[in-house]
Amino acid sequence: MKKIIFPIFAALISMVACNSNEEQQKESQKKYEDVTLSVEALEKKSPTKFLKVSGGDKKNLMGQTVIKGKISNKAKMVTFKDIDIQLSFFSKTGVLLMEDQEMIYEEVAPGGIVNFKSKYFAPKGTDSVSMKVLSAKY
């Protein structure tokens, strides 16, 4: 009798242990998916936190201000596109002379960088240009 009961008991324990392990794996996978979705939702909610714009300006022979910049995406999951950038033109003394918006119709993958170039007839007395990301689509 003991010879029959022991194998049956061992089989039952292994079945319960396997089911428990499978349930833990499913639960762990669900937690991972929830965290992943919440990270993605956070990135989509506030693209300006994850997109950074930098660059510089110079004058060309035609008197235009040529702005060369790059947009970097620090997000981990979301690819952003159609990025709206605000350009602010300042004098030597820091007075705001003009503001304009530029739409960059490119996609920036997570961890990626996109370069852009724009030309403007900046106001007289422009010494520097600053750039800021206003919005983006995903």
N, C-alpha and C. Protein backbone atom coordinates (compact mmCIF):
# COMPACT_ATOMS: atom_id res chain seq x y z
N MET A 1 0.82 -1.19 0.00
CA MET A 1 0.00 0.00 0.00
C MET A 1 0.87 1.26 0.00
N LYS A 2 1.95 1.25 0.84
CA LYS A 2 2.83 2.40 0.91
C LYS A 2 3.50 2.65 -0.44
N LYS A 3 3.79 1.57 -1.17
CA LYS A 3 4.45 1.70 -2.47
C LYS A 3 3.55 2.41 -3.47
N ILE A 4 2.27 2.25 -3.37
CA ILE A 4 1.33 2.89 -4.30
C ILE A 4 1.05 4.33 -3.88
N ILE A 5 0.91 4.57 -2.61
CA ILE A 5 0.55 5.91 -2.11
C ILE A 5 1.69 6.90 -2.35
N PHE A 6 2.93 6.50 -2.11
CA PHE A 6 4.05 7.43 -2.26
C PHE A 6 4.17 7.98 -3.69
N PRO A 7 4.13 7.18 -4.77
CA PRO A 7 4.21 7.73 -6.13
C PRO A 7 3.02 8.65 -6.46
N ILE A 8 1.84 8.27 -5.97
CA ILE A 8 0.66 9.12 -6.23
C ILE A 8 0.82 10.45 -5.51
N PHE A 9 1.27 10.41 -4.28
CA PHE A 9 1.48 11.63 -3.50
C PHE A 9 2.55 12.51 -4.15
N ALA A 10 3.63 11.92 -4.62
CA ALA A 10 4.71 12.67 -5.29
C ALA A 10 4.20 13.31 -6.58
N ALA A 11 3.38 12.57 -7.32
CA ALA A 11 2.82 13.12 -8.57
C ALA A 11 1.90 14.30 -8.28
N LEU A 12 1.09 14.20 -7.24
CA LEU A 12 0.20 15.30 -6.87
C LEU A 12 0.98 16.54 -6.46
N ILE A 13 2.03 16.36 -5.69
CA ILE A 13 2.86 17.50 -5.25
C ILE A 13 3.51 18.17 -6.46
N SER A 14 4.03 17.38 -7.37
CA SER A 14 4.68 17.97 -8.55
C SER A 14 3.67 18.72 -9.43
N MET A 15 2.44 18.21 -9.53
CA MET A 15 1.39 18.90 -10.31
C MET A 15 1.05 20.24 -9.67
N VAL A 16 0.90 20.24 -8.36
CA VAL A 16 0.57 21.48 -7.65
C VAL A 16 1.71 22.47 -7.79
N ALA A 17 2.95 21.99 -7.68
CA ALA A 17 4.12 22.87 -7.80
C ALA A 17 4.20 23.44 -9.21
N CYS A 18 3.94 22.64 -10.22
CA CYS A 18 3.97 23.13 -11.61
C CYS A 18 2.89 24.18 -11.84
N ASN A 19 1.69 23.91 -11.35
CA ASN A 19 0.62 24.88 -11.51
C ASN A 19 0.94 26.17 -10.78
N SER A 20 1.52 26.07 -9.60
CA SER A 20 1.90 27.25 -8.84
C SER A 20 2.95 28.06 -9.59
N ASN A 21 3.93 27.38 -10.19
CA ASN A 21 4.99 28.04 -10.95
C ASN A 21 4.41 28.73 -12.19
N GLU A 22 3.49 28.06 -12.87
CA GLU A 22 2.86 28.65 -14.04
C GLU A 22 2.06 29.89 -13.65
N GLU A 23 1.36 29.82 -12.53
CA GLU A 23 0.59 30.98 -12.06
C GLU A 23 1.52 32.13 -11.71
N GLN A 24 2.66 31.84 -11.09
CA GLN A 24 3.62 32.90 -10.76
C GLN A 24 4.17 33.52 -12.03
N GLN A 25 4.45 32.71 -13.04
CA GLN A 25 4.96 33.24 -14.30
C GLN A 25 3.91 34.12 -14.98
N LYS A 26 2.66 33.70 -14.97
CA LYS A 26 1.59 34.51 -15.56
C LYS A 26 1.43 35.82 -14.82
N GLU A 27 1.49 35.75 -13.50
CA GLU A 27 1.35 36.96 -12.68
C GLU A 27 2.52 37.91 -12.92
N SER A 28 3.71 37.36 -13.01
CA SER A 28 4.90 38.17 -13.28
C SER A 28 4.81 38.82 -14.66
N GLN A 29 4.36 38.07 -15.66
CA GLN A 29 4.19 38.61 -17.02
C GLN A 29 3.17 39.73 -17.03
N LYS A 30 2.07 39.57 -16.30
CA LYS A 30 1.04 40.60 -16.23
C LYS A 30 1.58 41.87 -15.59
N LYS A 31 2.36 41.74 -14.51
CA LYS A 31 2.97 42.90 -13.86
C LYS A 31 3.90 43.62 -14.82
N TYR A 32 4.70 42.85 -15.56
CA TYR A 32 5.62 43.44 -16.54
C TYR A 32 4.84 44.22 -17.60
N GLU A 33 3.76 43.64 -18.11
CA GLU A 33 2.95 44.31 -19.13
C GLU A 33 2.32 45.58 -18.56
N ASP A 34 1.86 45.54 -17.31
CA ASP A 34 1.27 46.73 -16.69
C ASP A 34 2.30 47.84 -16.56
N VAL A 35 3.50 47.50 -16.13
CA VAL A 35 4.56 48.50 -15.99
C VAL A 35 4.93 49.06 -17.36
N THR A 36 5.03 48.19 -18.35
CA THR A 36 5.35 48.61 -19.71
C THR A 36 4.29 49.57 -20.24
N LEU A 37 3.03 49.24 -20.03
CA LEU A 37 1.95 50.11 -20.50
C LEU A 37 1.97 51.44 -19.75
N SER A 38 2.28 51.43 -18.47
CA SER A 38 2.29 52.68 -17.74
C SER A 38 3.45 53.56 -18.17
N VAL A 39 4.61 52.98 -18.50
CA VAL A 39 5.74 53.76 -19.02
C VAL A 39 5.36 54.37 -20.36
N GLU A 40 4.76 53.57 -21.21
CA GLU A 40 4.36 54.06 -22.53
C GLU A 40 3.33 55.18 -22.40
N ALA A 41 2.36 55.02 -21.52
CA ALA A 41 1.35 56.04 -21.31
C ALA A 41 1.97 57.33 -20.78
N LEU A 42 2.93 57.22 -19.89
CA LEU A 42 3.62 58.40 -19.35
C LEU A 42 4.38 59.13 -20.45
N GLU A 43 5.06 58.39 -21.29
CA GLU A 43 5.82 59.00 -22.39
C GLU A 43 4.89 59.68 -23.39
N LYS A 44 3.77 59.06 -23.69
CA LYS A 44 2.82 59.66 -24.63
C LYS A 44 2.16 60.91 -24.04
N LYS A 45 1.96 60.91 -22.74
CA LYS A 45 1.28 62.03 -22.08
C LYS A 45 2.11 63.31 -22.10
N SER A 46 3.43 63.18 -22.00
CA SER A 46 4.26 64.38 -21.92
C SER A 46 5.51 64.27 -22.80
N PRO A 47 5.33 64.46 -24.11
CA PRO A 47 6.48 64.33 -25.02
C PRO A 47 7.56 65.38 -24.78
N THR A 48 7.20 66.55 -24.24
CA THR A 48 8.21 67.58 -24.03
C THR A 48 9.23 67.20 -22.97
N LYS A 49 8.89 66.26 -22.10
CA LYS A 49 9.85 65.78 -21.10
C LYS A 49 10.90 64.87 -21.72
N PHE A 50 10.58 64.26 -22.84
CA PHE A 50 11.47 63.27 -23.44
C PHE A 50 12.16 63.76 -24.70
N LEU A 51 11.66 64.84 -25.30
CA LEU A 51 12.28 65.39 -26.50
C LEU A 51 13.10 66.62 -26.14
N LYS A 52 14.34 66.64 -26.59
CA LYS A 52 15.23 67.78 -26.35
C LYS A 52 15.72 68.29 -27.70
N VAL A 53 15.75 69.62 -27.83
CA VAL A 53 16.24 70.23 -29.06
C VAL A 53 17.46 71.08 -28.72
N SER A 54 18.46 71.01 -29.59
CA SER A 54 19.67 71.81 -29.42
C SER A 54 20.19 72.19 -30.80
N GLY A 55 21.06 73.16 -30.83
CA GLY A 55 21.62 73.57 -32.12
C GLY A 55 22.18 74.96 -32.06
N GLY A 56 22.41 75.50 -33.23
CA GLY A 56 22.99 76.83 -33.33
C GLY A 56 22.53 77.54 -34.58
N ASP A 57 22.99 78.79 -34.73
CA ASP A 57 22.60 79.59 -35.89
C ASP A 57 23.80 80.33 -36.43
N LYS A 58 23.70 80.72 -37.71
CA LYS A 58 24.72 81.55 -38.37
C LYS A 58 24.06 82.29 -39.51
N LYS A 59 24.70 83.31 -40.01
CA LYS A 59 24.19 84.08 -41.14
C LYS A 59 24.80 83.52 -42.43
N ASN A 60 23.99 83.49 -43.50
CA ASN A 60 24.52 83.09 -44.79
C ASN A 60 24.76 84.34 -45.65
N LEU A 61 25.19 84.16 -46.88
CA LEU A 61 25.52 85.29 -47.75
C LEU A 61 24.29 86.11 -48.15
N MET A 62 23.11 85.51 -48.08
CA MET A 62 21.88 86.21 -48.46
C MET A 62 21.30 87.01 -47.28
N GLY A 63 21.95 86.95 -46.12
CA GLY A 63 21.46 87.67 -44.96
C GLY A 63 20.45 86.88 -44.13
N GLN A 64 20.24 85.64 -44.49
CA GLN A 64 19.32 84.80 -43.74
C GLN A 64 20.03 84.19 -42.52
N THR A 65 19.25 83.92 -41.50
CA THR A 65 19.76 83.18 -40.35
C THR A 65 19.48 81.71 -40.60
N VAL A 66 20.54 80.92 -40.65
CA VAL A 66 20.43 79.49 -40.87
C VAL A 66 20.50 78.80 -39.51
N ILE A 67 19.46 78.06 -39.20
CA ILE A 67 19.38 77.36 -37.91
C ILE A 67 19.58 75.88 -38.17
N LYS A 68 20.62 75.32 -37.57
CA LYS A 68 20.87 73.89 -37.63
C LYS A 68 20.66 73.33 -36.24
N GLY A 69 19.84 72.29 -36.16
CA GLY A 69 19.55 71.73 -34.85
C GLY A 69 19.39 70.23 -34.90
N LYS A 70 19.27 69.66 -33.72
CA LYS A 70 19.01 68.23 -33.62
C LYS A 70 18.01 68.01 -32.49
N ILE A 71 17.14 67.02 -32.73
CA ILE A 71 16.13 66.64 -31.74
C ILE A 71 16.48 65.25 -31.27
N SER A 72 16.60 65.09 -29.96
CA SER A 72 16.90 63.76 -29.40
C SER A 72 15.71 63.29 -28.57
N ASN A 73 15.45 62.00 -28.68
CA ASN A 73 14.33 61.37 -27.98
C ASN A 73 14.88 60.49 -26.86
N LYS A 74 14.61 60.88 -25.62
CA LYS A 74 15.09 60.13 -24.46
C LYS A 74 14.07 59.09 -23.98
N ALA A 75 12.94 58.97 -24.67
CA ALA A 75 11.92 58.00 -24.29
C ALA A 75 12.44 56.58 -24.54
N LYS A 76 11.86 55.63 -23.83
CA LYS A 76 12.27 54.23 -23.95
C LYS A 76 11.37 53.42 -24.88
N MET A 77 10.14 53.91 -25.11
CA MET A 77 9.19 53.09 -25.87
C MET A 77 8.49 53.81 -27.02
N VAL A 78 8.35 55.12 -26.96
CA VAL A 78 7.49 55.84 -27.90
C VAL A 78 8.32 56.52 -28.98
N THR A 79 7.89 56.37 -30.23
CA THR A 79 8.46 57.10 -31.36
C THR A 79 7.60 58.34 -31.58
N PHE A 80 8.22 59.51 -31.55
CA PHE A 80 7.50 60.77 -31.74
C PHE A 80 7.68 61.26 -33.17
N LYS A 81 6.68 62.01 -33.65
CA LYS A 81 6.73 62.57 -35.00
C LYS A 81 6.05 63.93 -35.00
N ASP A 82 6.16 64.66 -36.10
CA ASP A 82 5.53 65.97 -36.27
C ASP A 82 5.79 66.84 -35.03
N ILE A 83 7.05 67.17 -34.84
CA ILE A 83 7.48 67.88 -33.64
C ILE A 83 7.41 69.38 -33.87
N ASP A 84 6.70 70.07 -32.99
CA ASP A 84 6.50 71.52 -33.07
C ASP A 84 7.55 72.20 -32.18
N ILE A 85 8.38 73.06 -32.80
CA ILE A 85 9.46 73.74 -32.09
C ILE A 85 9.21 75.24 -32.11
N GLN A 86 9.45 75.88 -30.99
CA GLN A 86 9.35 77.34 -30.89
C GLN A 86 10.75 77.92 -31.02
N LEU A 87 10.91 78.88 -31.92
CA LEU A 87 12.17 79.58 -32.12
C LEU A 87 12.02 81.00 -31.57
N SER A 88 12.94 81.40 -30.72
CA SER A 88 12.91 82.75 -30.13
C SER A 88 14.19 83.47 -30.53
N PHE A 89 14.04 84.65 -31.12
CA PHE A 89 15.16 85.45 -31.59
C PHE A 89 15.42 86.57 -30.58
N PHE A 90 16.67 86.67 -30.09
CA PHE A 90 17.03 87.63 -29.05
C PHE A 90 18.11 88.59 -29.54
N SER A 91 18.10 89.80 -28.96
CA SER A 91 19.15 90.79 -29.23
C SER A 91 20.34 90.52 -28.31
N LYS A 92 21.42 91.34 -28.46
CA LYS A 92 22.60 91.19 -27.60
C LYS A 92 22.27 91.42 -26.14
N THR A 93 21.30 92.29 -25.87
CA THR A 93 20.95 92.60 -24.49
C THR A 93 19.89 91.66 -23.92
N GLY A 94 19.47 90.66 -24.69
CA GLY A 94 18.52 89.67 -24.20
C GLY A 94 17.07 90.01 -24.44
N VAL A 95 16.80 91.04 -25.24
CA VAL A 95 15.42 91.42 -25.55
C VAL A 95 14.86 90.46 -26.60
N LEU A 96 13.67 89.97 -26.35
CA LEU A 96 13.00 89.09 -27.31
C LEU A 96 12.54 89.92 -28.50
N LEU A 97 13.06 89.61 -29.69
CA LEU A 97 12.71 90.35 -30.89
C LEU A 97 11.56 89.72 -31.66
N MET A 98 11.55 88.38 -31.71
CA MET A 98 10.53 87.70 -32.48
C MET A 98 10.45 86.24 -32.03
N GLU A 99 9.26 85.67 -32.16
CA GLU A 99 9.08 84.23 -31.94
C GLU A 99 8.41 83.64 -33.16
N ASP A 100 8.77 82.40 -33.47
CA ASP A 100 8.17 81.70 -34.59
C ASP A 100 8.11 80.22 -34.23
N GLN A 101 7.29 79.49 -34.97
CA GLN A 101 7.19 78.05 -34.77
C GLN A 101 7.60 77.33 -36.03
N GLU A 102 8.24 76.21 -35.83
CA GLU A 102 8.70 75.36 -36.93
C GLU A 102 8.21 73.94 -36.66
N MET A 103 7.60 73.32 -37.65
CA MET A 103 7.14 71.94 -37.53
C MET A 103 8.16 71.05 -38.23
N ILE A 104 8.68 70.08 -37.51
CA ILE A 104 9.64 69.13 -38.07
C ILE A 104 8.88 67.83 -38.36
N TYR A 105 8.71 67.55 -39.64
CA TYR A 105 7.95 66.37 -40.06
C TYR A 105 8.87 65.16 -40.21
N GLU A 106 9.39 64.71 -39.10
CA GLU A 106 10.27 63.56 -39.04
C GLU A 106 9.83 62.68 -37.88
N GLU A 107 10.26 61.43 -37.91
CA GLU A 107 10.03 60.52 -36.78
C GLU A 107 11.33 60.37 -36.01
N VAL A 108 11.21 60.42 -34.68
CA VAL A 108 12.37 60.23 -33.81
C VAL A 108 12.11 58.99 -32.97
N ALA A 109 12.85 57.95 -33.24
CA ALA A 109 12.68 56.68 -32.53
C ALA A 109 13.22 56.80 -31.10
N PRO A 110 12.81 55.91 -30.21
CA PRO A 110 13.34 55.95 -28.84
C PRO A 110 14.87 55.89 -28.85
N GLY A 111 15.49 56.83 -28.18
CA GLY A 111 16.95 56.91 -28.13
C GLY A 111 17.56 57.48 -29.39
N GLY A 112 16.75 57.91 -30.34
CA GLY A 112 17.24 58.40 -31.62
C GLY A 112 17.43 59.90 -31.68
N ILE A 113 18.08 60.34 -32.77
CA ILE A 113 18.35 61.76 -33.01
C ILE A 113 17.99 62.08 -34.45
N VAL A 114 17.36 63.24 -34.65
CA VAL A 114 17.03 63.72 -35.99
C VAL A 114 17.62 65.12 -36.14
N ASN A 115 18.29 65.36 -37.26
CA ASN A 115 18.85 66.68 -37.55
C ASN A 115 17.88 67.46 -38.44
N PHE A 116 17.86 68.79 -38.28
CA PHE A 116 17.03 69.63 -39.13
C PHE A 116 17.77 70.94 -39.42
N LYS A 117 17.28 71.63 -40.45
CA LYS A 117 17.88 72.89 -40.87
C LYS A 117 16.78 73.80 -41.37
N SER A 118 16.79 75.05 -40.93
CA SER A 118 15.78 76.03 -41.35
C SER A 118 16.46 77.37 -41.64
N LYS A 119 15.84 78.13 -42.52
CA LYS A 119 16.37 79.46 -42.86
C LYS A 119 15.30 80.51 -42.58
N TYR A 120 15.73 81.62 -41.96
CA TYR A 120 14.81 82.71 -41.61
C TYR A 120 15.46 84.04 -41.93
N PHE A 121 14.62 85.01 -42.27
CA PHE A 121 15.06 86.39 -42.29
C PHE A 121 14.75 86.93 -40.91
N ALA A 122 15.73 86.80 -40.04
CA ALA A 122 15.55 87.19 -38.64
C ALA A 122 15.49 88.72 -38.53
N PRO A 123 14.86 89.23 -37.47
CA PRO A 123 14.78 90.67 -37.28
C PRO A 123 16.17 91.30 -37.13
N LYS A 124 16.26 92.55 -37.49
CA LYS A 124 17.52 93.28 -37.39
C LYS A 124 17.96 93.31 -35.91
N GLY A 125 19.22 93.05 -35.68
CA GLY A 125 19.75 93.07 -34.32
C GLY A 125 19.72 91.72 -33.63
N THR A 126 19.35 90.67 -34.36
CA THR A 126 19.32 89.34 -33.76
C THR A 126 20.73 88.87 -33.46
N ASP A 127 20.94 88.47 -32.21
CA ASP A 127 22.24 87.99 -31.77
C ASP A 127 22.22 86.49 -31.52
N SER A 128 21.09 85.97 -31.03
CA SER A 128 21.02 84.55 -30.71
C SER A 128 19.61 84.02 -30.93
N VAL A 129 19.53 82.72 -31.04
CA VAL A 129 18.25 82.04 -31.24
C VAL A 129 18.16 80.90 -30.22
N SER A 130 17.01 80.81 -29.54
CA SER A 130 16.79 79.67 -28.64
C SER A 130 15.67 78.81 -29.21
N MET A 131 15.71 77.53 -28.87
CA MET A 131 14.72 76.58 -29.38
C MET A 131 14.12 75.79 -28.22
N LYS A 132 12.83 75.47 -28.38
CA LYS A 132 12.12 74.73 -27.34
C LYS A 132 11.06 73.86 -28.01
N VAL A 133 10.91 72.61 -27.54
CA VAL A 133 9.88 71.71 -28.06
C VAL A 133 8.56 72.07 -27.41
N LEU A 134 7.55 72.32 -28.25
CA LEU A 134 6.21 72.65 -27.74
C LEU A 134 5.32 71.42 -27.65
N SER A 135 5.34 70.59 -28.68
CA SER A 135 4.48 69.42 -28.71
C SER A 135 4.99 68.42 -29.76
N ALA A 136 4.40 67.24 -29.72
CA ALA A 136 4.73 66.20 -30.71
C ALA A 136 3.61 65.18 -30.73
N LYS A 137 3.51 64.49 -31.84
CA LYS A 137 2.54 63.39 -31.97
C LYS A 137 3.28 62.07 -31.84
N TYR A 138 2.54 61.01 -31.63
CA TYR A 138 3.14 59.68 -31.53
C TYR A 138 2.45 58.71 -32.43
